[in-house]
Amino acid sequence: MSDPANTWPHCVISLDAGWDVVADAQHANPEYANELARLATRHGAIWRTEDFDVPLDELLRRNEARPRADHVPEEYIRSSWKRFHHVMFRPLNPEDPNGNLLKRMIADLYVRVTPVRGESDVFACNFTREAFLEGRWNTRTINARGL
């Protein structure tokens, strides 16, 4: 995996420290974006992506308005847009673990998920003792009270 913006180590350090992270680089390559999503999941972080569907001509216009030192080569913008635009703007896959609350709960180290006896699709989610003692409160641990 290529990390042209050197984002990876900064995300790891920040997530390890319990901070919120915003990776504001392009990350148009789905493989790289998926790696960042898996990193967030391993740290029990909720993650989301914000994609801005900007027409190619607008991207080129904005690039021209930048100071010369900040210009991105036009061919790079054109090739990236052509290569990634069709994969970035698509509906979420229902199997995406970040689109499924149960999978997000299971992935959180501070949430215990147990099947309810006699039920095939009902689960109890409770925050762990560590979450309580270490103050590991996030959206999932706060809501994991027998949900």
C-alpha atoms as a PDB file:
ATOM      1  CA  MET A   1       0.000   0.000   0.000  1.00  0.00           C
ATOM      2  CA  SER A   2       1.360   3.394  -0.991  1.00  0.00           C
ATOM      3  CA  ASP A   3       0.934   6.257   1.466  1.00  0.00           C
ATOM      4  CA  PRO A   4       1.875   9.344  -0.560  1.00  0.00           C
ATOM      5  CA  ALA A   5       0.722  11.795   2.099  1.00  0.00           C
ATOM      6  CA  ASN A   6       2.469   9.882   4.934  1.00  0.00           C
ATOM      7  CA  THR A   7      -0.923   9.775   6.655  1.00  0.00           C
ATOM      8  CA  TRP A   8      -0.660   6.282   8.120  1.00  0.00           C
ATOM      9  CA  PRO A   9       1.805   6.883  11.006  1.00  0.00           C
ATOM     10  CA  HIS A  10       0.023  10.070  12.046  1.00  0.00           C
ATOM     11  CA  CYS A  11      -3.333   8.268  12.137  1.00  0.00           C
ATOM     12  CA  VAL A  12      -1.901   5.381  14.189  1.00  0.00           C
ATOM     13  CA  ILE A  13      -0.266   7.678  16.749  1.00  0.00           C
ATOM     14  CA  SER A  14      -3.399   9.809  17.086  1.00  0.00           C
ATOM     15  CA  LEU A  15      -5.773   6.846  17.350  1.00  0.00           C
ATOM     16  CA  ASP A  16      -3.496   5.180  19.917  1.00  0.00           C
ATOM     17  CA  ALA A  17      -3.706   8.379  21.974  1.00  0.00           C
ATOM     18  CA  GLY A  18      -7.519   8.279  21.786  1.00  0.00           C
ATOM     19  CA  TRP A  19      -7.816  11.333  19.530  1.00  0.00           C
ATOM     20  CA  ASP A  20     -10.270  11.893  16.725  1.00  0.00           C
ATOM     21  CA  VAL A  21      -8.600  11.823  13.321  1.00  0.00           C
ATOM     22  CA  VAL A  22      -9.436  13.612  10.108  1.00  0.00           C
ATOM     23  CA  ALA A  23      -7.452  12.386   7.107  1.00  0.00           C
ATOM     24  CA  ASP A  24      -8.175  15.166   4.671  1.00  0.00           C
ATOM     25  CA  ALA A  25      -6.124  13.918   1.744  1.00  0.00           C
ATOM     26  CA  GLN A  26      -7.607  12.696  -1.506  1.00  0.00           C
ATOM     27  CA  HIS A  27      -7.549   8.953  -0.682  1.00  0.00           C
ATOM     28  CA  ALA A  28      -9.391   8.210  -3.901  1.00  0.00           C
ATOM     29  CA  ASN A  29      -7.777   4.794  -4.180  1.00  0.00           C
ATOM     30  CA  PRO A  30     -10.346   2.438  -2.612  1.00  0.00           C
ATOM     31  CA  GLU A  31      -7.610   0.069  -1.403  1.00  0.00           C
ATOM     32  CA  TYR A  32      -5.936   2.850   0.577  1.00  0.00           C
ATOM     33  CA  ALA A  33      -9.252   4.164   1.922  1.00  0.00           C
ATOM     34  CA  ASN A  34     -10.201   0.620   3.009  1.00  0.00           C
ATOM     35  CA  GLU A  35      -6.882   0.279   4.874  1.00  0.00           C
ATOM     36  CA  LEU A  36      -7.604   3.499   6.775  1.00  0.00           C
ATOM     37  CA  ALA A  37     -11.110   2.203   7.554  1.00  0.00           C
ATOM     38  CA  ARG A  38      -9.677  -1.068   8.903  1.00  0.00           C
ATOM     39  CA  LEU A  39      -7.188   0.908  11.003  1.00  0.00           C
ATOM     40  CA  ALA A  40     -10.032   2.930  12.515  1.00  0.00           C
ATOM     41  CA  THR A  41     -12.066  -0.221  13.176  1.00  0.00           C
ATOM     42  CA  ARG A  42      -9.114  -1.911  14.924  1.00  0.00           C
ATOM     43  CA  HIS A  43      -8.935   1.112  17.218  1.00  0.00           C
ATOM     44  CA  GLY A  44     -12.675   0.984  17.924  1.00  0.00           C
ATOM     45  CA  ALA A  45     -13.168   4.288  16.118  1.00  0.00           C
ATOM     46  CA  ILE A  46     -16.242   5.151  14.145  1.00  0.00           C
ATOM     47  CA  TRP A  47     -15.193   6.270  10.716  1.00  0.00           C
ATOM     48  CA  ARG A  48     -16.879   7.830   7.786  1.00  0.00           C
ATOM     49  CA  THR A  49     -15.931   9.204   4.448  1.00  0.00           C
ATOM     50  CA  GLU A  50     -17.110  12.401   2.861  1.00  0.00           C
ATOM     51  CA  ASP A  51     -16.927  12.334  -0.899  1.00  0.00           C
ATOM     52  CA  PHE A  52     -17.507  15.507  -2.862  1.00  0.00           C
ATOM     53  CA  ASP A  53     -18.740  14.835  -6.372  1.00  0.00           C
ATOM     54  CA  VAL A  54     -17.042  17.703  -8.175  1.00  0.00           C
ATOM     55  CA  PRO A  55     -17.050  17.838 -11.976  1.00  0.00           C
ATOM     56  CA  LEU A  56     -13.673  17.520 -13.658  1.00  0.00           C
ATOM     57  CA  ASP A  57     -13.853  20.990 -15.206  1.00  0.00           C
ATOM     58  CA  GLU A  58     -14.412  22.509 -11.748  1.00  0.00           C
ATOM     59  CA  LEU A  59     -11.419  20.641 -10.323  1.00  0.00           C
ATOM     60  CA  LEU A  60      -9.243  21.965 -13.151  1.00  0.00           C
ATOM     61  CA  ARG A  61     -10.561  25.505 -12.616  1.00  0.00           C
ATOM     62  CA  ARG A  62      -9.793  25.346  -8.886  1.00  0.00           C
ATOM     63  CA  ASN A  63      -6.316  24.025  -9.585  1.00  0.00           C
ATOM     64  CA  GLU A  64      -5.645  26.952 -11.931  1.00  0.00           C
ATOM     65  CA  ALA A  65      -6.710  29.383  -9.197  1.00  0.00           C
ATOM     66  CA  ARG A  66      -4.116  27.971  -6.787  1.00  0.00           C
ATOM     67  CA  PRO A  67      -0.749  29.646  -6.288  1.00  0.00           C
ATOM     68  CA  ARG A  68       1.784  28.167  -8.731  1.00  0.00           C
ATOM     69  CA  ALA A  69       3.675  26.360  -5.940  1.00  0.00           C
ATOM     70  CA  ASP A  70       0.509  24.455  -5.004  1.00  0.00           C
ATOM     71  CA  HIS A  71      -0.496  23.403  -8.520  1.00  0.00           C
ATOM     72  CA  VAL A  72      -1.184  19.749  -9.146  1.00  0.00           C
ATOM     73  CA  PRO A  73      -0.217  18.524 -12.609  1.00  0.00           C
ATOM     74  CA  GLU A  74      -3.320  18.675 -14.813  1.00  0.00           C
ATOM     75  CA  GLU A  75      -2.707  15.190 -16.200  1.00  0.00           C
ATOM     76  CA  TYR A  76      -2.677  13.784 -12.648  1.00  0.00           C
ATOM     77  CA  ILE A  77      -6.059  15.387 -11.898  1.00  0.00           C
ATOM     78  CA  ARG A  78      -7.511  14.102 -15.174  1.00  0.00           C
ATOM     79  CA  SER A  79      -6.187  10.555 -14.750  1.00  0.00           C
ATOM     80  CA  SER A  80      -7.230  10.327 -11.075  1.00  0.00           C
ATOM     81  CA  TRP A  81     -10.721  11.603 -11.835  1.00  0.00           C
ATOM     82  CA  LYS A  82     -11.100   9.166 -14.725  1.00  0.00           C
ATOM     83  CA  ARG A  83      -9.744   6.244 -12.688  1.00  0.00           C
ATOM     84  CA  PHE A  84     -11.580   6.751  -9.388  1.00  0.00           C
ATOM     85  CA  HIS A  85     -14.708   8.827  -9.992  1.00  0.00           C
ATOM     86  CA  HIS A  86     -16.855   5.825 -10.890  1.00  0.00           C
ATOM     87  CA  VAL A  87     -15.902   3.892  -7.720  1.00  0.00           C
ATOM     88  CA  MET A  88     -16.246   6.751  -5.261  1.00  0.00           C
ATOM     89  CA  PHE A  89     -19.859   7.621  -5.920  1.00  0.00           C
ATOM     90  CA  ARG A  90     -21.799   4.439  -5.437  1.00  0.00           C
ATOM     91  CA  PRO A  91     -24.303   3.255  -2.806  1.00  0.00           C
ATOM     92  CA  LEU A  92     -22.878   1.678   0.342  1.00  0.00           C
ATOM     93  CA  ASN A  93     -22.635  -2.088   0.285  1.00  0.00           C
ATOM     94  CA  PRO A  94     -24.905  -3.562   3.009  1.00  0.00           C
ATOM     95  CA  GLU A  95     -22.052  -5.911   3.955  1.00  0.00           C
ATOM     96  CA  ASP A  96     -19.777  -2.941   4.721  1.00  0.00           C
ATOM     97  CA  PRO A  97     -18.928  -3.321   8.454  1.00  0.00           C
ATOM     98  CA  ASN A  98     -19.171   0.442   8.898  1.00  0.00           C
ATOM     99  CA  GLY A  99     -22.717   0.411   7.567  1.00  0.00           C
ATOM    100  CA  ASN A 100     -23.811  -2.332   9.986  1.00  0.00           C
ATOM    101  CA  LEU A 101     -24.264  -1.475  13.664  1.00  0.00           C
ATOM    102  CA  LEU A 102     -23.847  -5.053  14.882  1.00  0.00           C
ATOM    103  CA  LYS A 103     -20.540  -5.439  13.021  1.00  0.00           C
ATOM    104  CA  ARG A 104     -19.326  -2.117  14.449  1.00  0.00           C
ATOM    105  CA  MET A 105     -20.233  -3.306  17.956  1.00  0.00           C
ATOM    106  CA  ILE A 106     -18.423  -6.621  17.412  1.00  0.00           C
ATOM    107  CA  ALA A 107     -15.324  -4.755  16.158  1.00  0.00           C
ATOM    108  CA  ASP A 108     -15.179  -2.525  19.248  1.00  0.00           C
ATOM    109  CA  LEU A 109     -12.744  -3.904  21.847  1.00  0.00           C
ATOM    110  CA  TYR A 110     -14.797  -2.322  24.619  1.00  0.00           C
ATOM    111  CA  VAL A 111     -18.148  -3.847  23.675  1.00  0.00           C
ATOM    112  CA  ARG A 112     -19.169  -7.432  24.482  1.00  0.00           C
ATOM    113  CA  VAL A 113     -21.666  -8.917  22.014  1.00  0.00           C
ATOM    114  CA  THR A 114     -23.476 -12.121  22.963  1.00  0.00           C
ATOM    115  CA  PRO A 115     -26.278 -13.961  21.180  1.00  0.00           C
ATOM    116  CA  VAL A 116     -29.577 -14.046  23.064  1.00  0.00           C
ATOM    117  CA  ARG A 117     -30.395 -17.639  23.987  1.00  0.00           C
ATOM    118  CA  GLY A 118     -33.137 -19.137  21.845  1.00  0.00           C
ATOM    119  CA  GLU A 119     -32.906 -16.385  19.198  1.00  0.00           C
ATOM    120  CA  SER A 120     -31.092 -16.632  15.882  1.00  0.00           C
ATOM    121  CA  ASP A 121     -30.745 -12.931  15.115  1.00  0.00           C
ATOM    122  CA  VAL A 122     -30.913 -11.106  18.463  1.00  0.00           C
ATOM    123  CA  PHE A 123     -27.764 -10.016  20.289  1.00  0.00           C
ATOM    124  CA  ALA A 124     -27.047  -8.270  23.576  1.00  0.00           C
ATOM    125  CA  CYS A 125     -24.365  -5.572  23.502  1.00  0.00           C
ATOM    126  CA  ASN A 126     -22.813  -4.428  26.771  1.00  0.00           C
ATOM    127  CA  PHE A 127     -19.803  -2.233  27.471  1.00  0.00           C
ATOM    128  CA  THR A 128     -16.893  -4.111  29.048  1.00  0.00           C
ATOM    129  CA  ARG A 129     -15.468  -3.664  32.514  1.00  0.00           C
ATOM    130  CA  GLU A 130     -12.383  -2.084  30.875  1.00  0.00           C
ATOM    131  CA  ALA A 131     -14.583   0.490  29.141  1.00  0.00           C
ATOM    132  CA  PHE A 132     -16.033   1.431  32.518  1.00  0.00           C
ATOM    133  CA  LEU A 133     -12.727   1.472  34.448  1.00  0.00           C
ATOM    134  CA  GLU A 134     -10.709   3.184  31.711  1.00  0.00           C
ATOM    135  CA  GLY A 135     -13.413   5.632  30.640  1.00  0.00           C
ATOM    136  CA  ARG A 136     -13.439   4.322  27.062  1.00  0.00           C
ATOM    137  CA  TRP A 137     -16.698   6.024  26.148  1.00  0.00           C
ATOM    138  CA  ASN A 138     -17.663   6.399  22.523  1.00  0.00           C
ATOM    139  CA  THR A 139     -20.939   6.108  20.633  1.00  0.00           C
ATOM    140  CA  ARG A 140     -20.857   2.313  20.784  1.00  0.00           C
ATOM    141  CA  THR A 141     -19.901   1.871  24.441  1.00  0.00           C
ATOM    142  CA  ILE A 142     -22.430   4.486  25.538  1.00  0.00           C
ATOM    143  CA  ASN A 143     -25.195   2.713  23.639  1.00  0.00           C
ATOM    144  CA  ALA A 144     -24.094  -0.836  24.541  1.00  0.00           C
ATOM    145  CA  ARG A 145     -26.357  -1.428  27.523  1.00  0.00           C
ATOM    146  CA  GLY A 146     -28.144  -4.573  26.495  1.00  0.00           C
ATOM    147  CA  LEU A 147     -29.043  -3.176  23.068  1.00  0.00           C
END
